[in-house]
Amino acid sequence: MGMRYSPLGRTGLEVSRICLGTMTFGEQNSEREAHAQLDAALAAGVNFIDTAEMYPVPPRAETYGRTEEYIGSWFKARGNRDRVILATKVMGRSDDLTHVRGGDTRLTRANIEAALEASLTRLRTDYIDLYQLHWPDRRTNTFGKLGYRHDPDDVPVPIEESLAALADLVAAGKVRHIGVSNETPWGVARFLRLAETRGWPRIASIQNPYSLLNRSFEIGLAEFAHREAVGLLAYSPLGFGVLSGKYLDGARPPAARLTLFTRFRRYTGEAAPPAVRAYVELARRHGLDPAQMALAYVNARPFLTSTIVGATTLEQLRDDIASIDLQLSDEVIAGIEAIHAAHPNPCP
């Protein structure tokens, strides 16, 4: 079948249904390994690369910006910037990442402009195809919080200020299109309304978590994707590798992300193992690789623009990309839906 492509919102761009995620570059992957992954992805028809100023993950002062630098050195070595649709992100408000801009990562005009200029330098390019706000400035239900709890004392940078800054970067030709990440239905609605009423650029995409362990996107955002052409860029489609089954029964394979970095607990709570075991057993009953089944489900969602896959080895990457050729049977889909009904969103 080969790679498939999707419209990126209403931009006129067509992006591969599989996007290469890069947050391991500079931490778990060397520059040489990063270049090899980029080469392999491009050869497989992937034309969409996603990164962020804060990568690699986990974020540290010593490695800040290294992922973008590796992508930039690849562009320089290959001379192929025009073959790639490049997405990156500006950090949102953080109390922990004090090594970035002196600890001020609010989504103000000045910070967005400074972040973009630094990313352009590291990436060795003069434009970004899709520039995204990594997470909201306001306090809201992101990163594992399913329900919204209002904070009356919160004073966020207005979305108007952030979007006006992005609009000027688009007008200057430094950014072609814009998107959001870790956003809520209210946030998406606000961005769209401001675009309509102020004549500012429209968000083209929303990069949120989506996997068999977290289908919360379907509740309030899928309708926006369909009706407003703000498609999903699905991150963590394997739940940090958990859906491969490799961590079941307390296993911690050497060099695996959850073995190396115990801070990542989003997909390892008490509710996760029973759901994971059920999905893994379903895949094996049908002769499927559990990870490929999980990816194939995401790839086929009608509200999806692209599935962001990340890997530490070329073998993993090739297997992940090959999921584009897997079409799940009605029986497998029915099995997935039955498990979801029994274990709804165990890892929001």
Protein backbone atom coordinates (compact mmCIF):
# COMPACT_ATOMS: atom_id res chain seq x y z
CA MET A 1 0.00 0.00 0.00
CA GLY A 2 2.73 2.46 0.94
CA MET A 3 2.57 5.77 2.74
CA ARG A 4 -0.70 7.70 2.81
CA TYR A 5 -1.10 11.46 3.10
CA SER A 6 -3.61 13.82 4.72
CA PRO A 7 -4.49 17.49 4.32
CA LEU A 8 -2.94 19.66 7.04
CA GLY A 9 -6.04 21.62 7.96
CA ARG A 10 -6.92 24.08 5.22
CA THR A 11 -3.31 24.93 4.42
CA GLY A 12 -3.11 23.09 1.12
CA LEU A 13 -0.22 21.00 2.43
CA GLU A 14 -0.35 17.20 2.36
CA VAL A 15 1.48 15.51 5.22
CA SER A 16 2.31 11.85 5.62
CA ARG A 17 -0.10 9.92 7.80
CA ILE A 18 2.96 8.91 9.81
CA CYS A 19 5.03 11.73 11.29
CA LEU A 20 8.54 11.23 12.68
CA GLY A 21 8.75 12.27 16.30
CA THR A 22 12.22 13.25 17.43
CA MET A 23 12.27 13.74 21.18
CA THR A 24 14.82 10.95 21.69
CA PHE A 25 17.41 12.74 19.52
CA GLY A 26 20.18 13.97 21.78
CA GLU A 27 19.31 11.82 24.78
CA GLN A 28 18.68 8.22 23.75
CA ASN A 29 19.89 8.73 20.18
CA SER A 30 23.20 10.16 18.98
CA GLU A 31 23.48 12.61 16.08
CA ARG A 32 24.50 9.78 13.75
CA GLU A 33 21.51 7.68 14.84
CA ALA A 34 19.20 10.66 14.46
CA HIS A 35 20.39 11.22 10.89
CA ALA A 36 19.88 7.53 10.11
CA GLN A 37 16.30 7.70 11.41
CA LEU A 38 15.60 10.81 9.36
CA ASP A 39 17.02 9.16 6.24
CA ALA A 40 14.96 6.00 6.80
CA ALA A 41 11.75 7.93 7.41
CA LEU A 42 12.19 10.04 4.30
CA ALA A 43 12.93 6.94 2.21
CA ALA A 44 9.69 5.37 3.51
CA GLY A 45 7.59 8.31 2.32
CA VAL A 46 7.46 10.26 5.58
CA ASN A 47 7.57 13.97 4.73
CA PHE A 48 6.50 15.28 8.14
CA ILE A 49 8.92 15.81 11.07
CA ASP A 50 7.90 17.04 14.50
CA THR A 51 10.23 18.50 17.08
CA ALA A 52 10.26 21.16 19.82
CA GLU A 53 12.61 23.66 21.38
CA MET A 54 12.56 21.79 24.71
CA TYR A 55 13.63 18.43 23.20
CA PRO A 56 15.17 15.99 23.95
CA VAL A 57 13.03 14.56 26.72
CA PRO A 58 13.46 14.43 29.64
CA PRO A 59 14.37 18.11 29.37
CA ARG A 60 17.68 19.16 30.90
CA ALA A 61 19.74 22.33 30.69
CA GLU A 62 22.66 20.34 29.25
CA THR A 63 20.66 19.04 26.29
CA TYR A 64 18.19 21.88 25.65
CA GLY A 65 17.78 22.47 21.92
CA ARG A 66 19.96 19.52 20.91
CA THR A 67 17.19 17.76 18.98
CA GLU A 68 16.66 20.77 16.74
CA GLU A 69 20.42 21.03 16.27
CA TYR A 70 20.60 17.42 15.05
CA ILE A 71 17.79 18.05 12.56
CA GLY A 72 19.55 21.22 11.43
CA SER A 73 22.82 19.39 10.83
CA TRP A 74 20.88 16.79 8.81
CA PHE A 75 19.37 19.52 6.62
CA LYS A 76 22.84 20.96 6.08
CA ALA A 77 24.39 17.58 5.24
CA ARG A 78 21.58 16.45 2.92
CA GLY A 79 20.46 19.76 1.41
CA ASN A 80 16.87 18.56 1.55
CA ARG A 81 14.98 21.15 3.58
CA ASP A 82 12.47 21.56 0.74
CA ARG A 83 11.48 17.87 0.93
CA VAL A 84 10.25 18.11 4.52
CA ILE A 85 7.24 19.65 6.24
CA LEU A 86 8.83 20.74 9.49
CA ALA A 87 6.91 21.26 12.73
CA THR A 88 8.34 22.59 15.96
CA LYS A 89 6.97 24.10 19.16
CA VAL A 90 7.50 26.94 21.60
CA MET A 91 7.39 25.93 25.25
CA GLY A 92 4.50 26.90 27.45
CA ARG A 93 4.44 28.19 30.99
CA SER A 94 6.60 26.14 33.34
CA ASP A 95 7.72 26.41 36.93
CA ASP A 96 10.41 23.75 36.47
CA LEU A 97 12.31 24.49 33.25
CA THR A 98 14.27 27.41 34.61
CA HIS A 99 17.11 26.91 32.10
CA VAL A 100 14.99 28.34 29.26
CA ARG A 101 14.86 32.13 28.83
CA GLY A 102 15.87 32.67 32.43
CA GLY A 103 12.87 30.71 33.62
CA ASP A 104 10.33 32.88 31.79
CA THR A 105 8.46 30.66 29.36
CA ARG A 106 5.12 32.47 29.37
CA LEU A 107 3.56 32.67 25.93
CA THR A 108 4.12 36.39 25.54
CA ARG A 109 4.95 38.07 22.25
CA ALA A 110 8.57 38.57 23.28
CA ASN A 111 9.06 34.95 24.32
CA ILE A 112 7.39 33.51 21.21
CA GLU A 113 9.56 35.68 18.97
CA ALA A 114 12.74 34.81 20.87
CA ALA A 115 11.93 31.09 20.84
CA LEU A 116 11.29 31.09 17.12
CA GLU A 117 14.52 32.88 16.26
CA ALA A 118 16.51 30.40 18.35
CA SER A 119 14.74 27.44 16.73
CA LEU A 120 15.41 28.79 13.24
CA THR A 121 19.10 29.06 14.08
CA ARG A 122 19.34 25.54 15.50
CA LEU A 123 17.33 24.05 12.63
CA ARG A 124 19.40 25.93 10.02
CA THR A 125 16.34 27.13 8.17
CA ASP A 126 14.62 30.44 7.60
CA TYR A 127 11.05 29.20 8.01
CA ILE A 128 8.96 26.71 9.98
CA ASP A 129 6.09 24.98 8.21
CA LEU A 130 4.01 24.43 11.35
CA TYR A 131 4.77 26.39 14.52
CA GLN A 132 2.90 25.13 17.57
CA LEU A 133 2.26 26.32 21.11
CA HIS A 134 3.48 23.32 23.10
CA TRP A 135 0.92 23.72 25.88
CA PRO A 136 -1.41 26.49 27.10
CA ASP A 137 -0.26 29.36 29.25
CA ARG A 138 -3.41 29.09 31.35
CA ARG A 139 -3.96 26.46 34.05
CA THR A 140 -6.17 23.80 32.54
CA ASN A 141 -6.65 20.04 32.30
CA THR A 142 -3.62 18.82 30.39
CA PHE A 143 -0.93 16.17 30.93
CA GLY A 144 -2.99 13.46 32.55
CA LYS A 145 -5.78 15.58 34.02
CA LEU A 146 -9.12 14.45 32.62
CA GLY A 147 -11.39 16.85 34.52
CA TYR A 148 -11.15 20.64 34.56
CA ARG A 149 -10.78 22.44 37.88
CA HIS A 150 -10.95 26.19 37.72
CA ASP A 151 -8.25 28.33 39.37
CA PRO A 152 -9.74 31.76 40.04
CA ASP A 153 -6.31 33.18 40.86
CA ASP A 154 -4.76 32.20 37.54
CA VAL A 155 -3.72 35.14 35.33
CA PRO A 156 -2.67 33.68 31.97
CA VAL A 157 -1.17 35.48 29.03
CA PRO A 158 -4.21 36.17 26.84
CA ILE A 159 -4.57 33.92 23.82
CA GLU A 160 -5.01 37.19 21.88
CA GLU A 161 -1.41 38.19 22.63
CA SER A 162 0.03 34.82 21.66
CA LEU A 163 -2.00 34.58 18.46
CA ALA A 164 -1.21 38.16 17.44
CA ALA A 165 2.50 37.35 17.76
CA LEU A 166 2.10 34.22 15.66
CA ALA A 167 0.15 36.21 13.06
CA ASP A 168 3.03 38.64 12.70
CA LEU A 169 5.52 35.77 12.30
CA VAL A 170 3.35 34.35 9.52
CA ALA A 171 3.17 37.77 7.87
CA ALA A 172 6.97 37.99 8.07
CA GLY A 173 7.35 34.63 6.29
CA LYS A 174 9.16 32.99 9.19
CA VAL A 175 6.20 30.69 9.92
CA ARG A 176 3.92 29.25 7.26
CA HIS A 177 1.17 27.81 9.45
CA ILE A 178 0.33 27.51 13.14
CA GLY A 179 -1.03 24.86 15.48
CA VAL A 180 -1.72 24.11 19.12
CA SER A 181 -0.78 21.22 21.37
CA ASN A 182 -2.15 19.82 24.61
CA GLU A 183 -5.21 22.00 24.05
CA THR A 184 -8.81 21.74 25.20
CA PRO A 185 -12.09 22.32 23.34
CA TRP A 186 -12.41 25.78 24.89
CA GLY A 187 -8.92 26.70 23.74
CA VAL A 188 -9.52 25.49 20.19
CA ALA A 189 -12.79 27.41 20.04
CA ARG A 190 -11.07 30.57 21.24
CA PHE A 191 -8.27 30.32 18.66
CA LEU A 192 -10.79 29.78 15.88
CA ARG A 193 -13.00 32.66 16.97
CA LEU A 194 -10.06 35.07 17.11
CA ALA A 195 -8.92 33.98 13.67
CA GLU A 196 -12.40 34.62 12.33
CA THR A 197 -12.99 37.96 14.02
CA ARG A 198 -9.49 39.45 13.79
CA GLY A 199 -8.38 38.06 10.44
CA TRP A 200 -5.48 36.23 12.06
CA PRO A 201 -4.15 32.84 10.88
CA ARG A 202 -6.24 29.79 11.64
CA ILE A 203 -4.81 26.91 13.63
CA ALA A 204 -4.26 23.99 11.27
CA SER A 205 -3.83 21.18 13.78
CA ILE A 206 -3.93 20.09 17.39
CA GLN A 207 -1.20 17.82 18.78
CA ASN A 208 -2.68 15.89 21.67
CA PRO A 209 -2.21 12.44 23.20
CA TYR A 210 -4.23 9.69 21.56
CA SER A 211 -3.90 5.94 21.89
CA LEU A 212 -5.83 2.85 22.93
CA LEU A 213 -5.10 3.94 26.51
CA ASN A 214 -6.29 7.52 26.04
CA ARG A 215 -9.13 8.28 23.66
CA SER A 216 -10.24 11.45 25.45
CA PHE A 217 -9.76 13.40 22.18
CA GLU A 218 -12.96 11.79 20.95
CA ILE A 219 -15.09 13.44 23.64
CA GLY A 220 -14.80 17.15 22.88
CA LEU A 221 -12.22 17.62 20.15
CA ALA A 222 -13.01 15.12 17.39
CA GLU A 223 -15.97 17.24 16.27
CA PHE A 224 -13.68 20.26 15.89
CA ALA A 225 -11.34 18.15 13.79
CA HIS A 226 -14.16 17.23 11.43
CA ARG A 227 -16.17 20.45 11.29
CA GLU A 228 -13.32 22.97 11.52
CA ALA A 229 -10.48 21.06 9.82
CA VAL A 230 -8.27 21.14 12.91
CA GLY A 231 -6.97 17.59 12.63
CA LEU A 232 -5.24 15.56 15.29
CA LEU A 233 -1.51 15.05 15.38
CA ALA A 234 -1.54 12.08 17.74
CA TYR A 235 1.37 11.86 20.15
CA SER A 236 2.20 8.89 22.39
CA PRO A 237 0.17 6.52 20.18
CA LEU A 238 1.89 3.61 21.95
CA GLY A 239 1.70 5.13 25.43
CA PHE A 240 5.50 5.44 25.71
CA GLY A 241 5.82 1.90 24.35
CA VAL A 242 3.50 0.41 26.98
CA LEU A 243 1.08 -0.90 24.34
CA SER A 244 3.81 -3.12 22.88
CA GLY A 245 3.41 -5.23 26.01
CA LYS A 246 7.10 -5.07 26.83
CA TYR A 247 6.49 -3.67 30.33
CA LEU A 248 3.86 -6.21 31.42
CA ASP A 249 4.39 -8.06 34.71
CA GLY A 250 6.82 -5.41 35.88
CA ALA A 251 9.34 -6.03 33.12
CA ARG A 252 11.86 -3.26 32.51
CA PRO A 253 13.86 -3.99 29.35
CA PRO A 254 17.37 -2.50 29.28
CA ALA A 255 17.59 0.91 27.55
CA ALA A 256 13.79 1.24 27.31
CA ARG A 257 12.41 4.67 28.12
CA LEU A 258 10.46 3.73 31.24
CA THR A 259 13.47 1.77 32.48
CA LEU A 260 15.80 4.73 32.05
CA PHE A 261 13.44 7.51 33.15
CA THR A 262 11.21 6.64 36.08
CA ARG A 263 9.68 10.14 36.03
CA PHE A 264 7.34 9.06 33.22
CA ARG A 265 4.34 7.68 35.09
CA ARG A 266 1.49 8.73 32.81
CA TYR A 267 1.07 5.28 31.26
CA THR A 268 2.06 3.12 34.21
CA GLY A 269 -0.73 3.67 36.74
CA GLU A 270 -2.73 0.86 38.30
CA ALA A 271 -5.45 1.03 35.65
CA ALA A 272 -3.04 0.52 32.75
CA PRO A 273 -1.82 -3.13 33.00
CA PRO A 274 -5.25 -4.85 32.73
CA ALA A 275 -6.10 -2.81 29.64
CA VAL A 276 -2.68 -3.33 28.09
CA ARG A 277 -2.83 -7.07 28.71
CA ALA A 278 -6.26 -7.25 27.05
CA TYR A 279 -5.06 -5.38 23.96
CA VAL A 280 -1.87 -7.46 23.72
CA GLU A 281 -3.83 -10.71 24.01
CA LEU A 282 -6.31 -9.50 21.37
CA ALA A 283 -3.46 -8.75 18.96
CA ARG A 284 -1.81 -12.12 19.51
CA ARG A 285 -5.07 -14.03 19.04
CA HIS A 286 -5.27 -12.49 15.58
CA GLY A 287 -1.60 -12.98 14.73
CA LEU A 288 -0.81 -9.28 15.00
CA ASP A 289 2.09 -7.44 16.56
CA PRO A 290 0.55 -5.56 19.53
CA ALA A 291 2.38 -2.31 18.76
CA GLN A 292 1.40 -2.38 15.10
CA MET A 293 -2.21 -3.10 16.00
CA ALA A 294 -2.25 -0.12 18.38
CA LEU A 295 -0.74 2.15 15.73
CA ALA A 296 -3.02 0.87 12.98
CA TYR A 297 -6.04 1.78 15.08
CA VAL A 298 -4.80 5.36 15.48
CA ASN A 299 -3.77 5.63 11.82
CA ALA A 300 -7.32 4.82 10.71
CA ARG A 301 -9.18 7.36 12.84
CA PRO A 302 -11.21 9.70 10.60
CA PHE A 303 -10.29 12.78 12.66
CA LEU A 304 -6.55 12.07 12.40
CA THR A 305 -4.09 14.11 10.35
CA SER A 306 -0.93 12.24 11.36
CA THR A 307 0.34 9.73 13.93
CA ILE A 308 3.62 10.83 15.54
CA VAL A 309 5.91 7.84 16.06
CA GLY A 310 9.23 7.88 17.87
CA ALA A 311 11.80 5.14 18.13
CA THR A 312 15.28 4.52 19.46
CA THR A 313 16.27 1.93 16.84
CA LEU A 314 15.85 1.71 13.08
CA GLU A 315 14.11 -1.63 13.50
CA GLN A 316 11.49 -0.07 15.77
CA LEU A 317 11.06 2.84 13.39
CA ARG A 318 10.56 0.62 10.35
CA ASP A 319 8.01 -1.50 12.23
CA ASP A 320 6.14 1.62 13.34
CA ILE A 321 6.06 3.07 9.82
CA ALA A 322 4.92 -0.29 8.42
CA SER A 323 1.76 0.01 10.52
CA ILE A 324 0.42 2.23 7.74
CA ASP A 325 -0.08 -0.92 5.65
CA LEU A 326 -2.07 -2.74 8.34
CA GLN A 327 -5.84 -2.63 8.03
CA LEU A 328 -7.61 -4.06 11.04
CA SER A 329 -10.48 -6.46 10.47
CA ASP A 330 -13.98 -5.74 11.73
CA GLU A 331 -13.45 -8.49 14.30
CA VAL A 332 -10.31 -6.85 15.67
CA ILE A 333 -12.02 -3.44 15.76
CA ALA A 334 -14.94 -4.95 17.66
CA GLY A 335 -12.49 -6.49 20.11
CA ILE A 336 -10.79 -3.13 20.64
CA GLU A 337 -14.11 -1.41 21.28
CA ALA A 338 -15.11 -4.08 23.79
CA ILE A 339 -11.86 -3.61 25.71
CA HIS A 340 -12.30 0.17 25.60
CA ALA A 341 -15.80 -0.18 27.06
CA ALA A 342 -14.40 -2.30 29.90
CA HIS A 343 -11.30 -0.10 30.44
CA PRO A 344 -12.18 3.43 29.25
CA ASN A 345 -9.23 5.86 29.08
CA PRO A 346 -7.08 4.29 31.83
CA CYS A 347 -4.24 6.75 31.09
CA PRO A 348 -5.65 10.22 30.40
